[in-house]
Structures are given as C-alpha cells and as structure tokens.
Amino acid sequence: MWKWNSEARRYYNDETGQFMPRDTVLGYVQGSLDATASVTDTLATLAGEGRLSPADWRHLMREEIKREYIRQYVLGIGGREQMGFEDWGRVGGMLTDQYRYLEGFYNEILTGQLSEAQISARAQMYITSARESYERANAQAWGAPPLPAYPGDGSTACLTNCNCSWRIDSAEAEEGRLAWVCYWQLGVVKTDHCSDCVERALTWAPLILEREGA
C-alpha cells in the first residue's frame, strides 16, 4: 500500500519501503486528466446534439472540474490525510476562478455560438487546468513559497495544455542557509512543448528560493 513520507515528500510502499518514481506519480496526474477529459467529451457531444440542456451541462461540468481539482490537489499534497483547512481553502479559491470562467462558456453555449467540437476543445482546457492544482499542492508539500508560475495556469503559449512540472528539492545556499531548489521540467508523459515552456526549462534550471530567516 502506498503511503506518504512527509520528510522525503514522496509516496512509498509500506511493505517494501520503496519510493514511487516521480514519473509514475506524474503518470497518475496525466491519467486522471485524460479520464476526466473523456467524460467532458461525452458531455460536449450531448450538449452539441441538444440531448443535454445548457443548464445541465454547466452543472455536470462544475462537478467534473471540482472532482478533478480535488483529486489533483490531494495527489500533490500527499493524500487526504495531509489536507488541512488551508488546503481545502486553496482548492476552493481555484474552483471559484474556474466557475467564473465557466459562466462565460455556458452563456456561449446557451446562445448557440459554439459547435460540438468547440465545446469539447474548450471543456478539455478546463480539465487540463487542474494540473495547476497538483503543482500548487506539491509545492505546498515542500513548504515552498509561491512560485513565479505553475504548469497549467495558462501563463504559457500552450495555456492549460501544459505538460510540464516543477521538481523541487531542498539544499544549502550560501553561508549554510537553506533554500528550495526548483526546476521547471518539460513533460515526461507527453513531450510536446511550447516555446515558453522550453524557455522556462532553460531559465529555471534551477530557480533557487532561500528560506526566510534561514
């Protein structure tokens, strides 16, 4: 059974003691995103064909977004046992933003401005944006301060379709001070990258953030 090691900030097998490879964790991240995107594709088809009302589509989309953001955050933070009130608050804040964006999307569907293909493509972006939830949680698990950007936050040319991730570690900085050593790493599950992500991988290699008061 996989459990969380709060010192190593990694999942480990409590029978063998082996740590779960980072690529395996990222595979779970992508697998969950892909599975939920498949559901929203079905919703898009039903809405596009008029078999699902815009209001029902919005309700179901909200539920899928909510579940995916929670799954991603829980995976990044180390499991539900690690979730505190502040963590649930962070998830709630991200969901509030997504629900606000969804209202504009809903209004376009309501007025018949979008085709089934357009609904599907845009709906998928709401789901892939949940990668940001995982990345924020993972940084939080390390106790890191806010990072300058997060994969999936829409700040790159690939928008929420980003396949990158942060790799974070702790190390000694100058004069023995402690720091977070952060690398923006190009996707290991999917390997198509925009120019912004390539630039970040070169620029933040690493990004070093010293601990306040250390």
C-alpha atoms as a PDB file:
ATOM      1  CA  MET A   1       0.000   0.000   0.000  1.00  0.00           C
ATOM      2  CA  TRP A   2       1.290   3.451  -0.892  1.00  0.00           C
ATOM      3  CA  LYS A   3       1.718   5.951   1.921  1.00  0.00           C
ATOM      4  CA  TRP A   4       3.208   9.432   2.219  1.00  0.00           C
ATOM      5  CA  ASN A   5       6.627  10.132   3.708  1.00  0.00           C
ATOM      6  CA  SER A   6       6.381  13.727   4.937  1.00  0.00           C
ATOM      7  CA  GLU A   7      10.150  14.096   5.304  1.00  0.00           C
ATOM      8  CA  ALA A   8      11.022  12.856   1.825  1.00  0.00           C
ATOM      9  CA  ARG A   9       7.809  14.377   0.369  1.00  0.00           C
ATOM     10  CA  ARG A  10       7.291  11.195  -1.614  1.00  0.00           C
ATOM     11  CA  TYR A  11       4.977   8.197  -1.724  1.00  0.00           C
ATOM     12  CA  TYR A  12       6.436   4.906  -0.592  1.00  0.00           C
ATOM     13  CA  ASN A  13       5.329   1.293  -0.411  1.00  0.00           C
ATOM     14  CA  ASP A  14       4.852   0.437   3.260  1.00  0.00           C
ATOM     15  CA  GLU A  15       5.669  -3.227   2.574  1.00  0.00           C
ATOM     16  CA  THR A  16       8.844  -2.825   0.528  1.00  0.00           C
ATOM     17  CA  GLY A  17       9.899   0.656   1.622  1.00  0.00           C
ATOM     18  CA  GLN A  18      10.481   1.627  -1.992  1.00  0.00           C
ATOM     19  CA  PHE A  19       9.621   5.136  -3.127  1.00  0.00           C
ATOM     20  CA  MET A  20       7.234   5.651  -6.005  1.00  0.00           C
ATOM     21  CA  PRO A  21       9.167   7.004  -9.013  1.00  0.00           C
ATOM     22  CA  ARG A  22       8.396  10.607  -9.846  1.00  0.00           C
ATOM     23  CA  ASP A  23       7.446   9.682 -13.411  1.00  0.00           C
ATOM     24  CA  THR A  24       4.888   7.242 -12.028  1.00  0.00           C
ATOM     25  CA  VAL A  25       3.256   9.990  -9.960  1.00  0.00           C
ATOM     26  CA  LEU A  26       3.143  12.266 -12.999  1.00  0.00           C
ATOM     27  CA  GLY A  27       1.613   9.383 -14.925  1.00  0.00           C
ATOM     28  CA  TYR A  28      -1.231   9.325 -12.387  1.00  0.00           C
ATOM     29  CA  VAL A  29      -1.630  13.068 -12.843  1.00  0.00           C
ATOM     30  CA  GLN A  30      -1.966  12.688 -16.603  1.00  0.00           C
ATOM     31  CA  GLY A  31      -4.118   9.580 -16.375  1.00  0.00           C
ATOM     32  CA  SER A  32      -6.665  11.334 -14.208  1.00  0.00           C
ATOM     33  CA  LEU A  33      -6.756  14.361 -16.518  1.00  0.00           C
ATOM     34  CA  ASP A  34      -7.244  12.121 -19.561  1.00  0.00           C
ATOM     35  CA  ALA A  35     -10.035  10.125 -17.921  1.00  0.00           C
ATOM     36  CA  THR A  36     -11.966  13.239 -16.923  1.00  0.00           C
ATOM     37  CA  ALA A  37     -11.433  14.811 -20.342  1.00  0.00           C
ATOM     38  CA  SER A  38     -13.095  11.727 -21.813  1.00  0.00           C
ATOM     39  CA  VAL A  39     -16.149  12.404 -19.650  1.00  0.00           C
ATOM     40  CA  THR A  40     -16.326  16.054 -20.694  1.00  0.00           C
ATOM     41  CA  ASP A  41     -16.051  14.974 -24.344  1.00  0.00           C
ATOM     42  CA  THR A  42     -19.211  12.945 -23.842  1.00  0.00           C
ATOM     43  CA  LEU A  43     -20.919  15.905 -22.197  1.00  0.00           C
ATOM     44  CA  ALA A  44     -19.881  18.090 -25.141  1.00  0.00           C
ATOM     45  CA  THR A  45     -21.415  15.615 -27.587  1.00  0.00           C
ATOM     46  CA  LEU A  46     -24.684  15.518 -25.671  1.00  0.00           C
ATOM     47  CA  ALA A  47     -24.815  19.313 -25.393  1.00  0.00           C
ATOM     48  CA  GLY A  48     -23.887  19.810 -29.043  1.00  0.00           C
ATOM     49  CA  GLU A  49     -26.623  17.425 -30.163  1.00  0.00           C
ATOM     50  CA  GLY A  50     -29.197  19.080 -27.924  1.00  0.00           C
ATOM     51  CA  ARG A  51     -29.642  15.987 -25.769  1.00  0.00           C
ATOM     52  CA  LEU A  52     -28.299  17.816 -22.710  1.00  0.00           C
ATOM     53  CA  SER A  53     -29.567  21.239 -21.779  1.00  0.00           C
ATOM     54  CA  PRO A  54     -27.007  24.023 -21.273  1.00  0.00           C
ATOM     55  CA  ALA A  55     -28.016  24.267 -17.615  1.00  0.00           C
ATOM     56  CA  ASP A  56     -27.489  20.542 -17.048  1.00  0.00           C
ATOM     57  CA  TRP A  57     -24.200  20.693 -18.969  1.00  0.00           C
ATOM     58  CA  ARG A  58     -22.989  23.504 -16.715  1.00  0.00           C
ATOM     59  CA  HIS A  59     -23.939  21.588 -13.571  1.00  0.00           C
ATOM     60  CA  LEU A  60     -22.164  18.428 -14.715  1.00  0.00           C
ATOM     61  CA  MET A  61     -19.107  20.381 -15.853  1.00  0.00           C
ATOM     62  CA  ARG A  62     -18.853  22.067 -12.454  1.00  0.00           C
ATOM     63  CA  GLU A  63     -18.910  18.657 -10.813  1.00  0.00           C
ATOM     64  CA  GLU A  64     -16.210  17.247 -13.095  1.00  0.00           C
ATOM     65  CA  ILE A  65     -13.991  20.299 -12.590  1.00  0.00           C
ATOM     66  CA  LYS A  66     -14.468  20.132  -8.835  1.00  0.00           C
ATOM     67  CA  ARG A  67     -13.645  16.439  -8.605  1.00  0.00           C
ATOM     68  CA  GLU A  68     -10.573  16.776 -10.810  1.00  0.00           C
ATOM     69  CA  TYR A  69      -9.163  19.763  -8.910  1.00  0.00           C
ATOM     70  CA  ILE A  70      -9.612  17.913  -5.632  1.00  0.00           C
ATOM     71  CA  ARG A  71      -8.021  14.720  -6.985  1.00  0.00           C
ATOM     72  CA  GLN A  72      -5.027  16.620  -8.306  1.00  0.00           C
ATOM     73  CA  TYR A  73      -4.503  18.591  -5.116  1.00  0.00           C
ATOM     74  CA  VAL A  74      -4.828  15.513  -2.901  1.00  0.00           C
ATOM     75  CA  LEU A  75      -2.297  13.675  -5.075  1.00  0.00           C
ATOM     76  CA  GLY A  76       0.131  16.590  -4.883  1.00  0.00           C
ATOM     77  CA  ILE A  77      -0.145  17.186  -1.135  1.00  0.00           C
ATOM     78  CA  GLY A  78       0.380  13.533  -0.191  1.00  0.00           C
ATOM     79  CA  GLY A  79      -3.136  12.176   0.332  1.00  0.00           C
ATOM     80  CA  ARG A  80      -6.296  13.245   2.119  1.00  0.00           C
ATOM     81  CA  GLU A  81      -4.633  12.737   5.485  1.00  0.00           C
ATOM     82  CA  GLN A  82      -2.373  15.696   4.657  1.00  0.00           C
ATOM     83  CA  MET A  83      -5.272  18.013   3.758  1.00  0.00           C
ATOM     84  CA  GLY A  84      -5.826  20.852   6.223  1.00  0.00           C
ATOM     85  CA  PHE A  85      -8.330  23.691   6.272  1.00  0.00           C
ATOM     86  CA  GLU A  86      -5.922  25.936   4.364  1.00  0.00           C
ATOM     87  CA  ASP A  87      -5.505  23.295   1.676  1.00  0.00           C
ATOM     88  CA  TRP A  88      -9.250  22.993   1.180  1.00  0.00           C
ATOM     89  CA  GLY A  89      -9.352  26.773   1.035  1.00  0.00           C
ATOM     90  CA  ARG A  90      -6.739  26.843  -1.734  1.00  0.00           C
ATOM     91  CA  VAL A  91      -8.754  24.328  -3.735  1.00  0.00           C
ATOM     92  CA  GLY A  92     -11.873  26.411  -3.173  1.00  0.00           C
ATOM     93  CA  GLY A  93     -10.120  29.535  -4.426  1.00  0.00           C
ATOM     94  CA  MET A  94      -9.027  27.839  -7.638  1.00  0.00           C
ATOM     95  CA  LEU A  95     -12.509  26.434  -8.184  1.00  0.00           C
ATOM     96  CA  THR A  96     -14.087  29.853  -7.701  1.00  0.00           C
ATOM     97  CA  ASP A  97     -11.950  31.164 -10.567  1.00  0.00           C
ATOM     98  CA  GLN A  98     -12.844  28.229 -12.809  1.00  0.00           C
ATOM     99  CA  TYR A  99     -16.562  28.534 -12.084  1.00  0.00           C
ATOM    100  CA  ARG A 100     -16.417  32.205 -13.021  1.00  0.00           C
ATOM    101  CA  TYR A 101     -14.776  31.384 -16.342  1.00  0.00           C
ATOM    102  CA  LEU A 102     -17.300  28.607 -16.886  1.00  0.00           C
ATOM    103  CA  GLU A 103     -20.181  31.076 -16.732  1.00  0.00           C
ATOM    104  CA  GLY A 104     -18.944  32.837 -19.867  1.00  0.00           C
ATOM    105  CA  PHE A 105     -18.515  29.472 -21.568  1.00  0.00           C
ATOM    106  CA  TYR A 106     -22.052  28.487 -20.545  1.00  0.00           C
ATOM    107  CA  ASN A 107     -23.516  31.685 -21.946  1.00  0.00           C
ATOM    108  CA  GLU A 108     -21.925  30.990 -25.331  1.00  0.00           C
ATOM    109  CA  ILE A 109     -23.442  27.512 -25.364  1.00  0.00           C
ATOM    110  CA  LEU A 110     -26.791  28.913 -24.252  1.00  0.00           C
ATOM    111  CA  THR A 111     -26.859  31.293 -27.199  1.00  0.00           C
ATOM    112  CA  GLY A 112     -25.756  28.636 -29.693  1.00  0.00           C
ATOM    113  CA  GLN A 113     -22.411  30.233 -30.527  1.00  0.00           C
ATOM    114  CA  LEU A 114     -20.326  27.055 -30.276  1.00  0.00           C
ATOM    115  CA  SER A 115     -20.159  23.808 -32.216  1.00  0.00           C
ATOM    116  CA  GLU A 116     -19.787  20.416 -30.575  1.00  0.00           C
ATOM    117  CA  ALA A 117     -16.066  20.399 -31.461  1.00  0.00           C
ATOM    118  CA  GLN A 118     -15.553  23.840 -29.931  1.00  0.00           C
ATOM    119  CA  ILE A 119     -17.384  22.839 -26.767  1.00  0.00           C
ATOM    120  CA  SER A 120     -15.244  19.707 -26.470  1.00  0.00           C
ATOM    121  CA  ALA A 121     -11.942  21.533 -27.013  1.00  0.00           C
ATOM    122  CA  ARG A 122     -12.706  24.284 -24.521  1.00  0.00           C
ATOM    123  CA  ALA A 123     -14.114  21.896 -21.939  1.00  0.00           C
ATOM    124  CA  GLN A 124     -10.900  19.893 -22.076  1.00  0.00           C
ATOM    125  CA  MET A 125      -8.907  23.008 -21.224  1.00  0.00           C
ATOM    126  CA  TYR A 126     -10.886  23.415 -18.006  1.00  0.00           C
ATOM    127  CA  ILE A 127      -9.870  19.915 -17.036  1.00  0.00           C
ATOM    128  CA  THR A 128      -6.207  20.187 -18.029  1.00  0.00           C
ATOM    129  CA  SER A 129      -6.005  23.395 -15.983  1.00  0.00           C
ATOM    130  CA  ALA A 130      -6.296  21.142 -12.924  1.00  0.00           C
ATOM    131  CA  ARG A 131      -2.607  20.308 -13.371  1.00  0.00           C
ATOM    132  CA  GLU A 132      -2.033  23.640 -11.614  1.00  0.00           C
ATOM    133  CA  SER A 133      -3.845  22.196  -8.596  1.00  0.00           C
ATOM    134  CA  TYR A 134      -1.382  19.307  -8.392  1.00  0.00           C
ATOM    135  CA  GLU A 135       1.607  21.598  -8.843  1.00  0.00           C
ATOM    136  CA  ARG A 136       0.475  24.065  -6.190  1.00  0.00           C
ATOM    137  CA  ALA A 137      -0.153  21.215  -3.772  1.00  0.00           C
ATOM    138  CA  ASN A 138       3.227  19.639  -4.458  1.00  0.00           C
ATOM    139  CA  ALA A 139       4.955  22.968  -3.806  1.00  0.00           C
ATOM    140  CA  GLN A 140       2.914  23.306  -0.621  1.00  0.00           C
ATOM    141  CA  ALA A 141       4.012  19.834   0.485  1.00  0.00           C
ATOM    142  CA  TRP A 142       7.585  21.110   0.257  1.00  0.00           C
ATOM    143  CA  GLY A 143       6.657  24.213   2.246  1.00  0.00           C
ATOM    144  CA  ALA A 144       7.845  26.366  -0.641  1.00  0.00           C
ATOM    145  CA  PRO A 145       6.780  29.998  -1.087  1.00  0.00           C
ATOM    146  CA  PRO A 146       4.622  30.895  -4.099  1.00  0.00           C
ATOM    147  CA  LEU A 147       6.447  30.045  -7.316  1.00  0.00           C
ATOM    148  CA  PRO A 148       6.511  32.516 -10.233  1.00  0.00           C
ATOM    149  CA  ALA A 149       4.244  30.296 -12.355  1.00  0.00           C
ATOM    150  CA  TYR A 150       2.706  26.845 -12.353  1.00  0.00           C
ATOM    151  CA  PRO A 151       2.220  24.348 -15.191  1.00  0.00           C
ATOM    152  CA  GLY A 152      -1.380  24.558 -16.356  1.00  0.00           C
ATOM    153  CA  ASP A 153      -2.025  28.065 -15.026  1.00  0.00           C
ATOM    154  CA  GLY A 154      -2.484  29.486 -18.535  1.00  0.00           C
ATOM    155  CA  SER A 155       0.606  31.715 -18.448  1.00  0.00           C
ATOM    156  CA  THR A 156       2.355  29.929 -21.341  1.00  0.00           C
ATOM    157  CA  ALA A 157       1.565  29.733 -25.052  1.00  0.00           C
ATOM    158  CA  CYS A 158       0.211  26.213 -24.502  1.00  0.00           C
ATOM    159  CA  LEU A 159      -2.207  27.690 -21.937  1.00  0.00           C
ATOM    160  CA  THR A 160      -3.734  24.967 -19.768  1.00  0.00           C
ATOM    161  CA  ASN A 161      -2.489  22.199 -22.062  1.00  0.00           C
ATOM    162  CA  CYS A 162       0.928  22.371 -20.409  1.00  0.00           C
ATOM    163  CA  ASN A 163       2.622  19.027 -19.770  1.00  0.00           C
ATOM    164  CA  CYS A 164       5.469  20.364 -17.616  1.00  0.00           C
ATOM    165  CA  SER A 165       6.073  20.046 -13.882  1.00  0.00           C
ATOM    166  CA  TRP A 166       8.138  21.513 -11.085  1.00  0.00           C
ATOM    167  CA  ARG A 167      10.817  19.338  -9.480  1.00  0.00           C
ATOM    168  CA  ILE A 168      11.579  20.708  -6.038  1.00  0.00           C
ATOM    169  CA  ASP A 169      14.319  19.844  -3.592  1.00  0.00           C
ATOM    170  CA  SER A 170      15.951  21.372  -0.528  1.00  0.00           C
ATOM    171  CA  ALA A 171      19.613  22.294  -0.316  1.00  0.00           C
ATOM    172  CA  GLU A 172      22.067  24.577   1.412  1.00  0.00           C
ATOM    173  CA  ALA A 173      22.502  28.006  -0.154  1.00  0.00           C
ATOM    174  CA  GLU A 174      25.393  30.377   0.501  1.00  0.00           C
ATOM    175  CA  GLU A 175      26.706  30.584   4.054  1.00  0.00           C
ATOM    176  CA  GLY A 176      24.767  27.500   5.092  1.00  0.00           C
ATOM    177  CA  ARG A 177      21.320  28.981   4.537  1.00  0.00           C
ATOM    178  CA  LEU A 178      18.563  26.603   3.435  1.00  0.00           C
ATOM    179  CA  ALA A 179      16.796  27.033   0.140  1.00  0.00           C
ATOM    180  CA  TRP A 180      14.323  25.443  -2.235  1.00  0.00           C
ATOM    181  CA  VAL A 181      15.917  24.358  -5.481  1.00  0.00           C
ATOM    182  CA  CYS A 182      13.236  24.294  -8.169  1.00  0.00           C
ATOM    183  CA  TYR A 183      13.481  23.037 -11.742  1.00  0.00           C
ATOM    184  CA  TRP A 184      10.847  23.654 -14.413  1.00  0.00           C
ATOM    185  CA  GLN A 185      10.913  20.310 -16.209  1.00  0.00           C
ATOM    186  CA  LEU A 186       9.460  19.582 -19.617  1.00  0.00           C
ATOM    187  CA  GLY A 187       6.762  16.924 -19.767  1.00  0.00           C
ATOM    188  CA  VAL A 188       7.782  13.331 -19.208  1.00  0.00           C
ATOM    189  CA  VAL A 189       4.397  11.769 -20.022  1.00  0.00           C
ATOM    190  CA  LYS A 190       3.643  13.888 -23.076  1.00  0.00           C
ATOM    191  CA  THR A 191       6.535  15.504 -24.899  1.00  0.00           C
ATOM    192  CA  ASP A 192       5.053  18.335 -26.984  1.00  0.00           C
ATOM    193  CA  HIS A 193       6.164  21.683 -25.563  1.00  0.00           C
ATOM    194  CA  CYS A 194       5.586  25.331 -26.433  1.00  0.00           C
ATOM    195  CA  SER A 195       8.407  27.867 -26.717  1.00  0.00           C
ATOM    196  CA  ASP A 196       7.504  29.436 -23.360  1.00  0.00           C
ATOM    197  CA  CYS A 197       7.922  26.128 -21.563  1.00  0.00           C
ATOM    198  CA  VAL A 198      11.244  25.458 -23.281  1.00  0.00           C
ATOM    199  CA  GLU A 199      12.452  28.910 -22.203  1.00  0.00           C
ATOM    200  CA  ARG A 200      11.347  28.313 -18.627  1.00  0.00           C
ATOM    201  CA  ALA A 201      13.128  24.966 -18.558  1.00  0.00           C
ATOM    202  CA  LEU A 202      16.319  26.759 -19.558  1.00  0.00           C
ATOM    203  CA  THR A 203      15.830  29.786 -17.277  1.00  0.00           C
ATOM    204  CA  TRP A 204      14.648  27.989 -14.142  1.00  0.00           C
ATOM    205  CA  ALA A 205      17.358  25.341 -14.102  1.00  0.00           C
ATOM    206  CA  PRO A 206      17.285  25.855 -11.224  1.00  0.00           C
ATOM    207  CA  LEU A 207      15.259  28.610  -9.621  1.00  0.00           C
ATOM    208  CA  ILE A 208      16.630  28.984  -6.086  1.00  0.00           C
ATOM    209  CA  LEU A 209      14.410  30.444  -3.365  1.00  0.00           C
ATOM    210  CA  GLU A 210      16.035  30.970   0.005  1.00  0.00           C
ATOM    211  CA  ARG A 211      14.043  30.310   3.143  1.00  0.00           C
ATOM    212  CA  GLU A 212      13.078  33.469   5.012  1.00  0.00           C
ATOM    213  CA  GLY A 213      15.041  33.824   8.207  1.00  0.00           C
ATOM    214  CA  ALA A 214      17.312  30.892   7.337  1.00  0.00           C
END
